[in-house]
Protein backbone atom coordinates (compact mmCIF):
# COMPACT_ATOMS: atom_id res chain seq x y z
CA MET A 1 62.35 81.06 36.75
CA ALA A 2 61.94 83.41 33.74
CA LEU A 3 58.65 84.66 35.23
CA GLU A 4 60.32 85.32 38.61
CA SER A 5 63.16 87.22 36.87
CA ALA A 6 60.68 89.37 34.93
CA GLN A 7 58.76 90.11 38.12
CA CYS A 8 61.99 91.08 39.92
CA GLY A 9 62.83 93.49 37.09
CA GLU A 10 59.36 95.04 37.32
CA VAL A 11 59.70 95.47 41.10
CA ALA A 12 63.16 97.10 40.71
CA ALA A 13 61.87 99.43 38.00
CA ALA A 14 58.84 100.38 40.09
CA SER A 15 60.83 101.01 43.29
CA ALA A 16 63.42 103.00 41.33
CA ALA A 17 60.86 105.44 39.94
CA PRO A 18 61.53 109.09 40.87
CA ARG A 19 60.19 109.95 44.29
CA ALA A 20 58.14 113.10 44.77
CA PRO A 21 60.26 116.16 45.58
CA ARG A 22 61.04 116.78 49.29
CA GLY A 23 62.34 120.24 50.06
CA LYS A 24 64.40 122.67 48.00
CA ARG A 25 68.04 122.80 46.91
CA GLY A 26 69.48 126.02 45.45
CA GLY A 27 66.01 127.45 44.91
CA LYS A 28 64.80 124.32 43.07
CA GLN A 29 62.85 121.28 44.24
CA ALA A 30 65.32 118.44 45.03
CA LEU A 31 64.67 115.05 43.40
CA HIS A 32 65.42 111.82 45.27
CA CYS A 33 66.10 108.26 44.11
CA ALA A 34 63.52 105.96 45.73
CA VAL A 35 66.09 103.14 46.02
CA CYS A 36 69.21 104.75 47.51
CA GLU A 37 67.89 108.19 48.56
CA LYS A 38 70.58 109.96 46.50
CA GLU A 39 69.58 113.55 45.70
CA PHE A 40 69.57 115.21 42.26
CA ARG A 41 68.77 118.68 40.92
CA PHE A 42 67.78 117.61 37.42
CA LYS A 43 65.27 114.99 36.31
CA SER A 44 67.49 113.87 33.38
CA VAL A 45 70.39 113.13 35.75
CA LEU A 46 68.09 111.19 38.08
CA GLN A 47 66.75 109.15 35.14
CA ALA A 48 70.32 108.28 34.06
CA HIS A 49 71.13 107.31 37.67
CA LEU A 50 68.07 105.03 37.92
CA ARG A 51 69.56 102.78 35.23
CA ILE A 52 72.15 101.67 37.81
CA HIS A 53 69.29 100.05 39.72
CA THR A 54 67.20 98.80 36.77
CA GLY A 55 70.15 97.57 34.69
CA GLU A 56 68.69 99.28 31.61
CA LYS A 57 71.23 100.00 28.83
CA PRO A 58 69.43 101.84 26.01
CA PHE A 59 72.52 103.10 24.14
CA GLU A 60 73.98 100.53 21.71
CA CYS A 61 77.27 100.70 19.76
CA ILE A 62 76.66 100.45 15.99
CA PHE A 63 80.02 98.68 15.52
CA CYS A 64 80.11 95.95 18.17
CA GLU A 65 76.59 96.06 19.70
CA GLU A 66 77.92 96.67 23.23
CA LYS A 67 75.31 98.49 25.31
CA PHE A 68 75.61 101.35 27.78
CA ALA A 69 73.46 102.95 30.45
CA GLN A 70 74.58 106.47 29.56
CA LYS A 71 75.02 108.21 26.22
CA SER A 72 78.32 109.76 27.34
CA HIS A 73 79.72 106.26 27.98
CA LEU A 74 78.72 105.23 24.45
CA THR A 75 80.36 108.38 23.02
CA THR A 76 83.62 107.55 24.82
CA HIS A 77 83.42 103.90 23.73
CA LEU A 78 82.90 104.82 20.05
CA ARG A 79 86.36 106.41 20.04
CA THR A 80 87.88 102.92 20.41
CA HIS A 81 86.48 102.23 16.93
CA THR A 82 86.95 105.65 15.30
CA LYS A 83 90.38 106.26 16.92
CA VAL A 84 89.34 109.87 17.55
CA LYS A 85 91.43 111.51 20.29
CA PRO A 86 89.93 114.96 20.93
CA PHE A 87 91.76 115.71 24.20
CA GLU A 88 95.25 117.15 23.64
CA CYS A 89 97.96 117.88 26.21
CA VAL A 90 98.96 121.56 26.00
CA VAL A 91 102.49 120.70 27.17
CA CYS A 92 103.60 117.82 24.91
CA GLN A 93 100.71 117.63 22.40
CA LYS A 94 99.98 113.98 23.22
CA LYS A 95 96.33 113.12 22.46
CA PHE A 96 93.78 111.06 24.38
CA SER A 97 90.32 109.63 23.68
CA ARG A 98 89.08 110.36 27.21
CA SER A 99 89.18 113.56 29.24
CA TRP A 100 90.20 111.76 32.43
CA SER A 101 93.13 110.10 30.62
CA LEU A 102 94.36 113.61 29.77
CA LYS A 103 93.79 114.71 33.37
CA LEU A 104 95.94 111.83 34.64
CA HIS A 105 98.60 112.48 32.02
CA LEU A 106 98.88 116.18 32.99
CA ARG A 107 100.07 115.08 36.43
CA THR A 108 103.27 113.77 34.81
CA HIS A 109 104.01 117.41 33.92
CA THR A 110 102.72 119.08 37.09
CA GLY A 111 104.08 116.43 39.47
CA GLU A 112 100.72 116.39 41.24
CA GLN A 113 100.14 113.29 43.38
CA PRO A 114 96.80 113.85 45.11
CA PHE A 115 96.32 110.35 46.55
CA GLU A 116 98.25 109.86 49.81
CA CYS A 117 98.78 106.63 51.74
CA THR A 118 97.54 107.10 55.32
CA VAL A 119 100.09 104.55 56.58
CA CYS A 120 103.42 105.75 55.11
CA LYS A 121 102.40 109.11 53.58
CA LYS A 122 103.64 108.10 50.11
CA SER A 123 101.69 109.89 47.35
CA PHE A 124 100.37 108.67 43.99
CA ARG A 125 99.02 110.12 40.74
CA LYS A 126 96.12 107.67 40.49
CA SER A 127 93.65 106.28 43.02
CA GLY A 128 94.27 102.82 41.52
CA ASP A 129 98.00 103.13 42.23
CA LEU A 130 97.20 103.99 45.85
CA ARG A 131 94.85 100.98 46.15
CA THR A 132 97.57 98.69 44.78
CA HIS A 133 100.17 100.24 47.12
CA LEU A 134 97.95 99.75 50.20
CA ARG A 135 98.22 96.00 49.64
CA THR A 136 101.92 96.22 50.57
CA HIS A 137 100.70 97.21 54.05
CA THR A 138 97.68 94.89 54.30
CA GLY A 139 99.29 91.89 52.59
CA GLU A 140 96.13 91.43 50.53
CA LYS A 141 96.60 89.33 47.36
CA PRO A 142 93.22 89.16 45.61
CA PHE A 143 94.43 87.76 42.28
CA GLU A 144 94.88 83.96 42.28
CA CYS A 145 96.38 81.73 39.58
CA ALA A 146 93.83 79.10 38.54
CA VAL A 147 96.64 76.64 37.73
CA CYS A 148 98.96 76.68 40.78
CA LEU A 149 96.88 78.84 43.18
CA LYS A 150 99.72 81.35 43.69
CA LYS A 151 98.33 84.74 44.72
CA PHE A 152 99.26 88.24 43.61
CA SER A 153 98.52 91.77 44.81
CA VAL A 154 98.40 93.18 41.25
CA SER A 155 96.38 91.81 38.30
CA GLY A 156 99.27 92.54 35.92
CA SER A 157 101.56 90.29 37.97
CA LEU A 158 99.05 87.45 37.64
CA ARG A 159 98.82 88.00 33.86
CA ARG A 160 102.61 87.80 33.55
CA HIS A 161 102.75 84.75 35.83
CA LEU A 162 100.19 82.87 33.72
CA ARG A 163 102.63 82.95 30.80
CA ILE A 164 104.84 80.56 32.80
CA HIS A 165 102.07 77.99 32.41
CA THR A 166 101.02 78.89 28.86
CA LYS A 167 104.63 79.41 27.63
CA ASP A 168 103.26 82.47 25.85
CA LYS A 169 105.91 84.97 24.72
CA PRO A 170 104.01 87.67 22.85
CA PHE A 171 106.75 90.31 22.79
CA GLU A 172 109.21 89.76 19.91
CA CYS A 173 112.43 91.64 19.16
CA THR A 174 112.27 93.01 15.61
CA VAL A 175 116.08 92.82 15.33
CA CYS A 176 116.90 89.21 16.34
CA MET A 177 113.37 87.72 16.67
CA LYS A 178 113.94 86.64 20.28
CA SER A 179 110.62 86.46 22.17
CA PHE A 180 109.76 87.51 25.71
CA SER A 181 106.83 86.97 28.07
CA GLU A 182 107.00 90.56 29.36
CA SER A 183 107.15 93.88 27.51
CA GLY A 184 109.64 95.18 30.08
CA SER A 185 112.03 92.32 29.31
CA LEU A 186 111.85 93.17 25.61
CA ARG A 187 112.55 96.85 26.36
CA VAL A 188 115.66 95.94 28.34
CA HIS A 189 116.77 93.45 25.65
CA LEU A 190 116.48 96.09 22.89
CA ARG A 191 119.19 98.09 24.67
CA ILE A 192 121.65 95.34 23.68
CA HIS A 193 121.03 96.33 20.06
CA THR A 194 120.80 100.10 20.59
CA GLY A 195 123.64 100.29 23.11
CA GLU A 196 121.45 102.46 25.33
CA GLN A 197 122.53 102.61 28.99
CA PRO A 198 120.13 105.08 30.61
CA PHE A 199 121.02 104.43 34.26
CA GLU A 200 124.13 106.35 35.37
CA CYS A 201 126.04 105.99 38.63
CA THR A 202 126.24 109.40 40.34
CA VAL A 203 129.54 108.42 41.98
CA CYS A 204 131.70 107.20 39.06
CA LYS A 205 129.46 108.07 36.07
CA LYS A 206 129.43 104.45 34.83
CA SER A 207 126.21 103.65 32.92
CA PHE A 208 123.99 100.55 32.95
CA ARG A 209 121.21 98.99 30.86
CA THR A 210 118.90 98.28 33.80
CA SER A 211 118.05 100.00 37.09
CA GLY A 212 118.78 96.68 38.84
CA ASP A 213 122.33 96.62 37.44
CA LEU A 214 122.84 100.18 38.72
CA ARG A 215 121.51 99.24 42.18
CA THR A 216 123.89 96.27 42.33
CA HIS A 217 126.81 98.44 41.15
CA LEU A 218 126.12 101.12 43.79
CA ARG A 219 126.91 98.52 46.45
CA THR A 220 130.55 98.56 45.26
CA HIS A 221 130.61 102.16 46.52
CA THR A 222 128.50 101.76 49.67
CA GLY A 223 129.87 98.34 50.67
CA GLU A 224 126.31 97.16 51.32
CA LYS A 225 125.89 93.37 51.39
CA PRO A 226 122.20 92.64 52.01
CA PHE A 227 122.23 88.91 51.16
CA GLU A 228 123.39 86.71 54.06
CA CYS A 229 124.11 82.98 54.07
CA ALA A 230 121.97 81.28 56.73
CA VAL A 231 124.66 78.61 57.25
CA CYS A 232 127.93 80.55 57.71
CA LEU A 233 126.58 84.14 57.85
CA LYS A 234 128.81 85.28 54.97
CA LYS A 235 127.28 88.31 53.23
CA PHE A 236 126.96 89.15 49.55
CA SER A 237 126.08 92.25 47.53
CA VAL A 238 124.29 90.20 44.83
CA SER A 239 121.56 87.57 45.36
CA GLY A 240 123.06 85.41 42.59
CA SER A 241 126.38 85.26 44.46
CA LEU A 242 124.55 83.99 47.56
CA ARG A 243 122.76 81.31 45.49
CA THR A 244 126.09 80.18 44.05
CA HIS A 245 127.73 80.22 47.50
CA LEU A 246 124.98 78.07 49.05
CA ARG A 247 126.03 75.22 46.75
CA ILE A 248 129.28 74.99 48.76
CA HIS A 249 127.13 73.89 51.70
CA THR A 250 124.63 71.78 49.75
CA LYS A 251 127.31 70.26 47.43
CA ASP A 252 124.80 70.83 44.64
CA LYS A 253 126.31 70.80 41.13
CA PRO A 254 123.37 71.25 38.76
CA PHE A 255 125.36 72.11 35.63
CA GLU A 256 126.60 68.97 33.84
CA CYS A 257 128.89 68.72 30.81
CA THR A 258 127.16 66.68 28.09
CA VAL A 259 130.55 65.51 26.76
CA CYS A 260 132.34 64.14 29.84
CA MET A 261 129.53 64.34 32.44
CA LYS A 262 131.61 66.49 34.82
CA SER A 263 129.34 68.61 37.03
CA PHE A 264 129.70 72.21 38.17
CA SER A 265 128.04 74.42 40.77
CA GLU A 266 128.04 77.45 38.43
CA SER A 267 126.82 77.83 34.84
CA GLY A 268 129.83 80.05 34.10
CA SER A 269 132.23 77.30 35.18
CA LEU A 270 130.51 74.86 32.81
CA LEU A 271 130.74 77.41 29.99
CA VAL A 272 134.50 77.77 30.50
CA HIS A 273 134.94 73.98 30.83
CA LEU A 274 133.14 73.33 27.52
CA ARG A 275 135.90 75.28 25.76
CA ILE A 276 138.27 72.43 26.63
CA HIS A 277 136.17 70.21 24.36
CA THR A 278 135.44 72.79 21.66
CA GLY A 279 138.92 74.32 21.65
CA GLU A 280 137.33 77.76 21.70
CA ARG A 281 139.59 80.60 22.90
CA PRO A 282 137.54 83.77 22.55
CA PHE A 283 139.87 86.12 24.44
CA GLU A 284 142.74 87.40 22.28
CA CYS A 285 145.75 89.46 23.35
CA THR A 286 145.88 92.65 21.27
CA VAL A 287 149.69 92.73 21.62
CA CYS A 288 150.83 89.24 20.56
CA LYS A 289 147.53 87.73 19.29
CA LYS A 290 147.76 84.80 21.72
CA SER A 291 144.27 83.49 22.63
CA PHE A 292 142.84 82.31 25.96
CA ARG A 293 139.85 80.36 27.23
CA THR A 294 138.93 82.84 29.98
CA SER A 295 139.04 86.61 30.41
CA GLY A 296 141.00 86.07 33.65
CA ASP A 297 143.72 84.17 31.77
CA LEU A 298 143.97 87.05 29.29
CA ARG A 299 144.20 89.63 32.10
CA ARG A 300 147.04 87.70 33.74
CA HIS A 301 148.83 87.30 30.40
CA LEU A 302 148.61 91.04 29.64
CA ARG A 303 150.77 91.69 32.71
CA THR A 304 153.69 90.01 30.89
CA HIS A 305 153.47 92.91 28.42
CA THR A 306 152.68 95.74 30.84
CA GLY A 307 154.95 94.56 33.67
CA GLU A 308 152.14 95.23 36.13
CA LYS A 309 152.50 93.49 39.50
CA PRO A 310 149.34 94.24 41.50
CA TYR A 311 149.93 91.74 44.33
CA GLU A 312 152.27 93.03 47.05
CA CYS A 313 153.67 91.20 50.06
CA THR A 314 152.72 93.09 53.24
CA VAL A 315 155.90 91.84 54.96
CA CYS A 316 158.73 92.62 52.50
CA LYS A 317 156.87 94.66 49.83
CA LYS A 318 157.87 92.25 47.03
CA LYS A 319 155.36 92.38 44.16
CA PHE A 320 153.86 89.66 41.98
CA THR A 321 151.88 89.48 38.74
CA GLN A 322 149.61 86.71 40.07
CA SER A 323 147.82 86.17 43.39
CA GLY A 324 149.06 82.56 43.43
CA GLY A 325 152.67 83.80 43.28
CA LEU A 326 152.07 86.03 46.31
CA LYS A 327 150.38 83.17 48.19
CA MET A 328 153.41 80.89 47.68
CA HIS A 329 155.82 83.69 48.59
CA LEU A 330 154.03 84.40 51.88
CA ARG A 331 154.94 80.88 53.01
CA THR A 332 158.59 81.95 53.11
CA HIS A 333 157.55 84.30 55.92
CA THR A 334 155.02 82.05 57.67
CA GLU A 335 157.06 78.86 57.05
CA GLU A 336 153.79 77.12 56.23
CA LYS A 337 154.25 73.81 54.36
CA PRO A 338 150.81 72.50 53.41
CA TYR A 339 151.98 69.79 50.94
CA LYS A 340 152.95 66.60 52.80
CA CYS A 341 154.53 63.45 51.36
CA THR A 342 152.36 60.41 52.22
CA VAL A 343 155.44 58.14 52.19
CA CYS A 344 157.96 59.89 54.45
CA LYS A 345 155.80 62.70 55.87
CA LYS A 346 158.20 65.42 54.64
CA SER A 347 156.39 68.74 54.02
CA PHE A 348 156.74 71.36 51.28
CA SER A 349 155.56 74.93 50.71
CA GLU A 350 154.81 74.33 47.01
CA SER A 351 152.90 71.51 45.25
CA GLY A 352 155.58 71.40 42.50
CA ASN A 353 158.30 70.67 45.06
CA LEU A 354 156.19 67.81 46.49
CA ARG A 355 155.74 66.31 43.00
CA ARG A 356 159.49 66.38 42.37
CA HIS A 357 160.15 64.84 45.79
CA LEU A 358 157.70 61.96 45.17
CA ARG A 359 159.84 60.84 42.23
CA THR A 360 162.64 59.98 44.70
CA HIS A 361 160.39 57.28 46.14
CA THR A 362 159.40 55.79 42.76
CA ARG A 363 162.97 55.34 41.42
């Protein structure tokens, strides 16, 4: 096998030898590669090209012993060890170790996007970005997870996905030491500490920590509800609201209280419920210092100080501080009596009236 390999190498080297000149180019004899017929003006360039076919790598790094076919490639590689960055941006003074890295960077200043998608005409700064984008049209997913076989269109997405299996969280917050599997997640998290909210709503000027939060908020202005329940066709502006809603149909209650084993369909409901056991009341009235378990309870309480009555009857214009008060009042107009006595079948408009009535049967 070793002999065969050596013979193959000799054959490749022999066939790749410079072919005799055929014709002229720019007043000089043109040189041709005997393997691929590519044409060159200079013998030195042809010799460098031939190494593609022979696999020869005569230029070795003195630091890590990696080998290269061309001296220029070695020169560029050496900068990873020396940290030399000779290419400087004339606009922002940022430095780069490679000339093409500077060339790409300059497009952030010029806005140049020379690579255009032939399908949707979208343009990109880098050929690699265009290649990745084209997969959104072709559906190609060349990167496969070796653990669960899930496929991805971008290598970076596969790398991030693999951390689900490895539990690797290499990005740590220097403030609170919380770790993240993605650098982007850490960046967003850091805004909790810095208070930075770089995404501003152009309608109401409200700011947000993430672009996703801004997108969700914008739907309060546009009225867009892109998430539809497949069961009852109800629509939602937030995917999380749809997930929560679906549990009404599935009766799923995945959040269980470890104290009394009561289950809830929403994590927020469990959080509020746990305060019954802990006695925690984190929402305090700034007027009378009374504390409440939920922010909603505090909001309702504040109306006793402000006198605000935001719920108005559409029939008689009477106003109420709570939605429940309006709901009960409306029954005086509709004459609805949803609370029925199981003993004598008498009906009532309020649950409290039914409770009082039931005592007449127990005496």
